[in-house]
Amino acid sequence: MYAIIKTGGKQYRVQEDDLLKIEKLDLEAGSDVVFDEILAVSSNDTITFGTPIVKGASVKATVLAQGKADKIIVFKYKAKKGYAKKKGHRQPFTLVKIEKINV
């Protein structure tokens, strides 16, 4: 059984007991979160697609940790103009564990 959820402007295919890094949610570690925007659900041999979401479906997850991804370097440069700009960025994320898919 799997589901396709939408959170943080992105879509994720999830199964029970999956660990998932999603866009940062303002929740403490150990708290529960319920995702209501379910785009598709597969159970056994049937797939149910929503228009745009599946009514009555939800995914329950537990927040494991808050963190930041590895640093990326953003370097802008224009040749022969003396312009160079270097900046670093670390994207915050929330690590969740998918507990249950409700159809």
N, C-alpha and C. Protein backbone atom coordinates (compact mmCIF):
# COMPACT_ATOMS: atom_id res chain seq x y z
N MET A 1 0.85 -1.17 0.00
CA MET A 1 0.00 0.00 0.00
C MET A 1 0.89 1.23 0.00
N TYR A 2 0.58 2.16 -0.87
CA TYR A 2 1.30 3.43 -0.90
C TYR A 2 0.34 4.57 -1.18
N ALA A 3 0.83 5.78 -0.94
CA ALA A 3 0.03 6.97 -1.19
C ALA A 3 0.94 8.05 -1.75
N ILE A 4 0.35 8.97 -2.48
CA ILE A 4 1.09 10.14 -2.98
C ILE A 4 0.52 11.34 -2.24
N ILE A 5 1.39 11.99 -1.45
CA ILE A 5 0.96 13.13 -0.65
C ILE A 5 1.56 14.41 -1.20
N LYS A 6 0.93 15.52 -0.84
CA LYS A 6 1.44 16.83 -1.25
C LYS A 6 1.68 17.65 0.01
N THR A 7 2.90 18.12 0.18
CA THR A 7 3.24 18.99 1.31
C THR A 7 4.42 19.87 0.91
N GLY A 8 4.38 21.10 1.33
CA GLY A 8 5.48 22.02 1.03
C GLY A 8 5.65 22.31 -0.45
N GLY A 9 4.57 22.19 -1.23
CA GLY A 9 4.66 22.46 -2.66
C GLY A 9 5.27 21.33 -3.46
N LYS A 10 5.49 20.18 -2.82
CA LYS A 10 6.09 19.03 -3.51
C LYS A 10 5.20 17.81 -3.30
N GLN A 11 5.42 16.80 -4.13
CA GLN A 11 4.67 15.56 -4.02
C GLN A 11 5.62 14.43 -3.68
N TYR A 12 5.18 13.54 -2.79
CA TYR A 12 6.01 12.43 -2.33
C TYR A 12 5.21 11.13 -2.40
N ARG A 13 5.87 10.06 -2.83
CA ARG A 13 5.27 8.72 -2.79
C ARG A 13 5.73 8.08 -1.49
N VAL A 14 4.78 7.71 -0.63
CA VAL A 14 5.13 7.20 0.70
C VAL A 14 4.48 5.85 0.95
N GLN A 15 5.16 5.04 1.76
CA GLN A 15 4.65 3.79 2.27
C GLN A 15 4.80 3.82 3.78
N GLU A 16 4.16 2.89 4.46
CA GLU A 16 4.29 2.83 5.92
C GLU A 16 5.74 2.51 6.28
N ASP A 17 6.21 3.11 7.36
CA ASP A 17 7.58 2.98 7.90
C ASP A 17 8.64 3.66 7.04
N ASP A 18 8.25 4.51 6.09
CA ASP A 18 9.22 5.29 5.32
C ASP A 18 9.74 6.45 6.15
N LEU A 19 11.02 6.80 5.96
CA LEU A 19 11.60 8.02 6.52
C LEU A 19 11.67 9.02 5.39
N LEU A 20 11.25 10.26 5.66
CA LEU A 20 11.08 11.24 4.61
C LEU A 20 11.57 12.60 5.08
N LYS A 21 12.39 13.26 4.26
CA LYS A 21 12.79 14.64 4.53
C LYS A 21 11.88 15.55 3.72
N ILE A 22 11.10 16.36 4.43
CA ILE A 22 10.16 17.26 3.77
C ILE A 22 10.51 18.70 4.13
N GLU A 23 9.84 19.65 3.48
CA GLU A 23 10.03 21.05 3.81
C GLU A 23 9.70 21.29 5.28
N LYS A 24 10.37 22.25 5.89
CA LYS A 24 10.27 22.47 7.33
C LYS A 24 8.84 22.72 7.80
N LEU A 25 8.44 21.98 8.84
CA LEU A 25 7.18 22.20 9.53
C LEU A 25 7.50 22.70 10.93
N ASP A 26 6.70 23.61 11.47
CA ASP A 26 6.94 24.15 12.80
C ASP A 26 6.36 23.23 13.86
N LEU A 27 6.96 22.06 14.02
CA LEU A 27 6.52 21.08 15.00
C LEU A 27 7.74 20.56 15.77
N GLU A 28 7.51 20.15 17.00
CA GLU A 28 8.59 19.61 17.84
C GLU A 28 8.82 18.14 17.48
N ALA A 29 10.01 17.65 17.77
CA ALA A 29 10.32 16.25 17.58
C ALA A 29 9.45 15.41 18.50
N GLY A 30 8.90 14.33 17.98
CA GLY A 30 8.02 13.47 18.76
C GLY A 30 6.55 13.75 18.56
N SER A 31 6.20 14.87 17.95
CA SER A 31 4.78 15.18 17.75
C SER A 31 4.26 14.50 16.48
N ASP A 32 2.95 14.37 16.39
CA ASP A 32 2.32 13.73 15.24
C ASP A 32 1.83 14.78 14.26
N VAL A 33 1.81 14.40 12.99
CA VAL A 33 1.29 15.27 11.94
C VAL A 33 0.43 14.42 11.02
N VAL A 34 -0.67 15.00 10.53
CA VAL A 34 -1.57 14.30 9.62
C VAL A 34 -1.58 15.06 8.30
N PHE A 35 -1.28 14.36 7.22
CA PHE A 35 -1.31 14.94 5.88
C PHE A 35 -2.67 14.63 5.28
N ASP A 36 -3.42 15.70 4.89
CA ASP A 36 -4.76 15.53 4.35
C ASP A 36 -4.80 15.61 2.82
N GLU A 37 -3.79 16.21 2.22
CA GLU A 37 -3.78 16.35 0.77
C GLU A 37 -3.18 15.08 0.15
N ILE A 38 -4.03 14.09 -0.08
CA ILE A 38 -3.63 12.82 -0.67
C ILE A 38 -4.07 12.83 -2.12
N LEU A 39 -3.12 12.71 -3.04
CA LEU A 39 -3.44 12.80 -4.47
C LEU A 39 -3.82 11.45 -5.05
N ALA A 40 -3.25 10.36 -4.51
CA ALA A 40 -3.57 9.01 -4.99
C ALA A 40 -3.27 8.02 -3.88
N VAL A 41 -4.04 6.92 -3.88
CA VAL A 41 -3.85 5.85 -2.91
C VAL A 41 -3.92 4.53 -3.64
N SER A 42 -2.96 3.65 -3.34
CA SER A 42 -2.96 2.30 -3.91
C SER A 42 -3.11 1.31 -2.78
N SER A 43 -4.13 0.46 -2.86
CA SER A 43 -4.29 -0.61 -1.89
C SER A 43 -4.60 -1.90 -2.65
N ASN A 44 -3.83 -2.92 -2.35
CA ASN A 44 -3.91 -4.20 -3.07
C ASN A 44 -3.66 -3.96 -4.56
N ASP A 45 -4.65 -4.21 -5.41
CA ASP A 45 -4.46 -4.02 -6.84
C ASP A 45 -5.22 -2.83 -7.40
N THR A 46 -5.82 -2.00 -6.52
CA THR A 46 -6.60 -0.86 -7.00
C THR A 46 -5.88 0.44 -6.68
N ILE A 47 -5.96 1.36 -7.61
CA ILE A 47 -5.39 2.69 -7.42
C ILE A 47 -6.53 3.70 -7.50
N THR A 48 -6.62 4.56 -6.48
CA THR A 48 -7.65 5.59 -6.45
C THR A 48 -6.98 6.95 -6.63
N PHE A 49 -7.39 7.66 -7.67
CA PHE A 49 -6.86 8.99 -7.93
C PHE A 49 -7.88 10.02 -7.47
N GLY A 50 -7.40 11.11 -6.90
CA GLY A 50 -8.28 12.17 -6.45
C GLY A 50 -8.53 13.19 -7.55
N THR A 51 -9.55 14.01 -7.33
CA THR A 51 -9.85 15.08 -8.28
C THR A 51 -10.05 16.39 -7.53
N PRO A 52 -9.07 17.07 -7.03
CA PRO A 52 -7.64 16.76 -7.06
C PRO A 52 -7.16 15.92 -5.88
N ILE A 53 -7.96 15.81 -4.80
CA ILE A 53 -7.52 15.00 -3.66
C ILE A 53 -8.53 13.88 -3.40
N VAL A 54 -8.04 12.82 -2.77
CA VAL A 54 -8.89 11.69 -2.41
C VAL A 54 -9.65 12.04 -1.14
N LYS A 55 -10.96 12.01 -1.19
CA LYS A 55 -11.76 12.38 -0.02
C LYS A 55 -11.70 11.28 1.04
N GLY A 56 -11.52 11.70 2.29
CA GLY A 56 -11.49 10.76 3.40
C GLY A 56 -10.17 10.07 3.62
N ALA A 57 -9.18 10.30 2.78
CA ALA A 57 -7.87 9.66 2.95
C ALA A 57 -6.94 10.58 3.72
N SER A 58 -6.06 9.98 4.50
CA SER A 58 -5.06 10.76 5.25
C SER A 58 -3.86 9.88 5.53
N VAL A 59 -2.76 10.52 5.83
CA VAL A 59 -1.52 9.83 6.18
C VAL A 59 -1.05 10.39 7.51
N LYS A 60 -0.81 9.50 8.48
CA LYS A 60 -0.35 9.92 9.80
C LYS A 60 1.16 9.68 9.87
N ALA A 61 1.89 10.68 10.39
CA ALA A 61 3.34 10.59 10.49
C ALA A 61 3.79 11.16 11.83
N THR A 62 5.00 10.78 12.24
CA THR A 62 5.60 11.28 13.46
C THR A 62 6.86 12.06 13.10
N VAL A 63 7.01 13.24 13.70
CA VAL A 63 8.20 14.06 13.47
C VAL A 63 9.35 13.48 14.27
N LEU A 64 10.44 13.13 13.59
CA LEU A 64 11.61 12.58 14.27
C LEU A 64 12.63 13.65 14.62
N ALA A 65 12.86 14.60 13.71
CA ALA A 65 13.88 15.61 13.96
C ALA A 65 13.69 16.80 13.02
N GLN A 66 14.26 17.91 13.43
CA GLN A 66 14.39 19.10 12.58
C GLN A 66 15.87 19.21 12.23
N GLY A 67 16.18 19.68 11.03
CA GLY A 67 17.59 19.78 10.67
C GLY A 67 17.80 20.70 9.49
N LYS A 68 19.06 20.76 9.07
CA LYS A 68 19.43 21.53 7.90
C LYS A 68 20.21 20.63 6.96
N ALA A 69 19.98 20.79 5.67
CA ALA A 69 20.66 19.99 4.66
C ALA A 69 22.12 20.47 4.52
N ASP A 70 22.89 19.75 3.74
CA ASP A 70 24.27 20.15 3.49
C ASP A 70 24.32 21.52 2.82
N LYS A 71 25.41 22.22 3.07
CA LYS A 71 25.56 23.56 2.50
C LYS A 71 25.83 23.48 1.00
N ILE A 72 25.15 24.35 0.26
CA ILE A 72 25.45 24.50 -1.16
C ILE A 72 26.02 25.90 -1.35
N ILE A 73 26.88 26.05 -2.32
CA ILE A 73 27.52 27.32 -2.62
C ILE A 73 26.85 27.93 -3.85
N VAL A 74 26.39 29.17 -3.71
CA VAL A 74 25.81 29.91 -4.82
C VAL A 74 26.85 30.94 -5.24
N PHE A 75 27.39 30.79 -6.45
CA PHE A 75 28.45 31.67 -6.92
C PHE A 75 28.00 32.34 -8.21
N LYS A 76 27.93 33.67 -8.16
CA LYS A 76 27.55 34.44 -9.35
C LYS A 76 28.80 35.16 -9.86
N TYR A 77 28.96 35.17 -11.18
CA TYR A 77 30.16 35.71 -11.78
C TYR A 77 29.85 36.26 -13.15
N LYS A 78 30.38 37.44 -13.44
CA LYS A 78 30.26 38.01 -14.78
C LYS A 78 31.67 38.28 -15.29
N ALA A 79 31.99 37.70 -16.42
CA ALA A 79 33.33 37.81 -16.98
C ALA A 79 33.65 39.25 -17.38
N LYS A 80 34.86 39.67 -17.12
CA LYS A 80 35.42 40.98 -17.52
C LYS A 80 34.72 42.16 -16.88
N LYS A 81 33.92 41.96 -15.86
CA LYS A 81 33.19 43.06 -15.22
C LYS A 81 33.60 43.26 -13.76
N GLY A 82 34.44 42.39 -13.23
CA GLY A 82 34.85 42.53 -11.84
C GLY A 82 33.74 42.18 -10.85
N TYR A 83 32.77 41.38 -11.30
CA TYR A 83 31.63 41.03 -10.45
C TYR A 83 31.71 39.56 -10.06
N ALA A 84 31.81 39.34 -8.79
CA ALA A 84 31.78 37.97 -8.28
C ALA A 84 31.12 38.01 -6.90
N LYS A 85 30.16 37.12 -6.68
CA LYS A 85 29.44 37.08 -5.42
C LYS A 85 29.32 35.62 -4.97
N LYS A 86 29.74 35.36 -3.75
CA LYS A 86 29.69 34.00 -3.22
C LYS A 86 28.80 33.97 -1.99
N LYS A 87 27.90 33.00 -1.96
CA LYS A 87 26.95 32.89 -0.86
C LYS A 87 26.70 31.41 -0.58
N GLY A 88 26.50 31.06 0.67
CA GLY A 88 26.17 29.69 1.05
C GLY A 88 24.72 29.61 1.49
N HIS A 89 24.15 28.41 1.39
CA HIS A 89 22.74 28.21 1.80
C HIS A 89 22.58 26.80 2.36
N ARG A 90 21.84 26.70 3.48
CA ARG A 90 21.47 25.40 4.05
C ARG A 90 19.95 25.38 4.19
N GLN A 91 19.32 24.48 3.45
CA GLN A 91 17.86 24.40 3.45
C GLN A 91 17.38 23.64 4.69
N PRO A 92 16.47 24.23 5.48
CA PRO A 92 15.93 23.50 6.63
C PRO A 92 14.95 22.42 6.19
N PHE A 93 14.90 21.32 6.95
CA PHE A 93 13.98 20.23 6.64
C PHE A 93 13.42 19.64 7.92
N THR A 94 12.38 18.84 7.78
CA THR A 94 11.80 18.08 8.87
C THR A 94 11.84 16.61 8.48
N LEU A 95 12.39 15.79 9.36
CA LEU A 95 12.47 14.35 9.12
C LEU A 95 11.25 13.70 9.77
N VAL A 96 10.42 13.01 8.96
CA VAL A 96 9.22 12.37 9.47
C VAL A 96 9.25 10.87 9.14
N LYS A 97 8.55 10.10 9.97
CA LYS A 97 8.36 8.68 9.73
C LYS A 97 6.89 8.44 9.49
N ILE A 98 6.56 7.80 8.37
CA ILE A 98 5.18 7.53 8.02
C ILE A 98 4.69 6.35 8.87
N GLU A 99 3.63 6.58 9.64
CA GLU A 99 3.10 5.57 10.55
C GLU A 99 1.95 4.78 9.93
N LYS A 100 0.95 5.48 9.37
CA LYS A 100 -0.26 4.79 8.90
C LYS A 100 -0.86 5.54 7.73
N ILE A 101 -1.36 4.77 6.76
CA ILE A 101 -2.10 5.32 5.63
C ILE A 101 -3.56 4.93 5.80
N ASN A 102 -4.43 5.92 5.94
CA ASN A 102 -5.86 5.68 6.11
C ASN A 102 -6.58 5.96 4.81
N VAL A 103 -7.40 5.03 4.36
CA VAL A 103 -8.15 5.20 3.11
C VAL A 103 -9.59 5.55 3.44
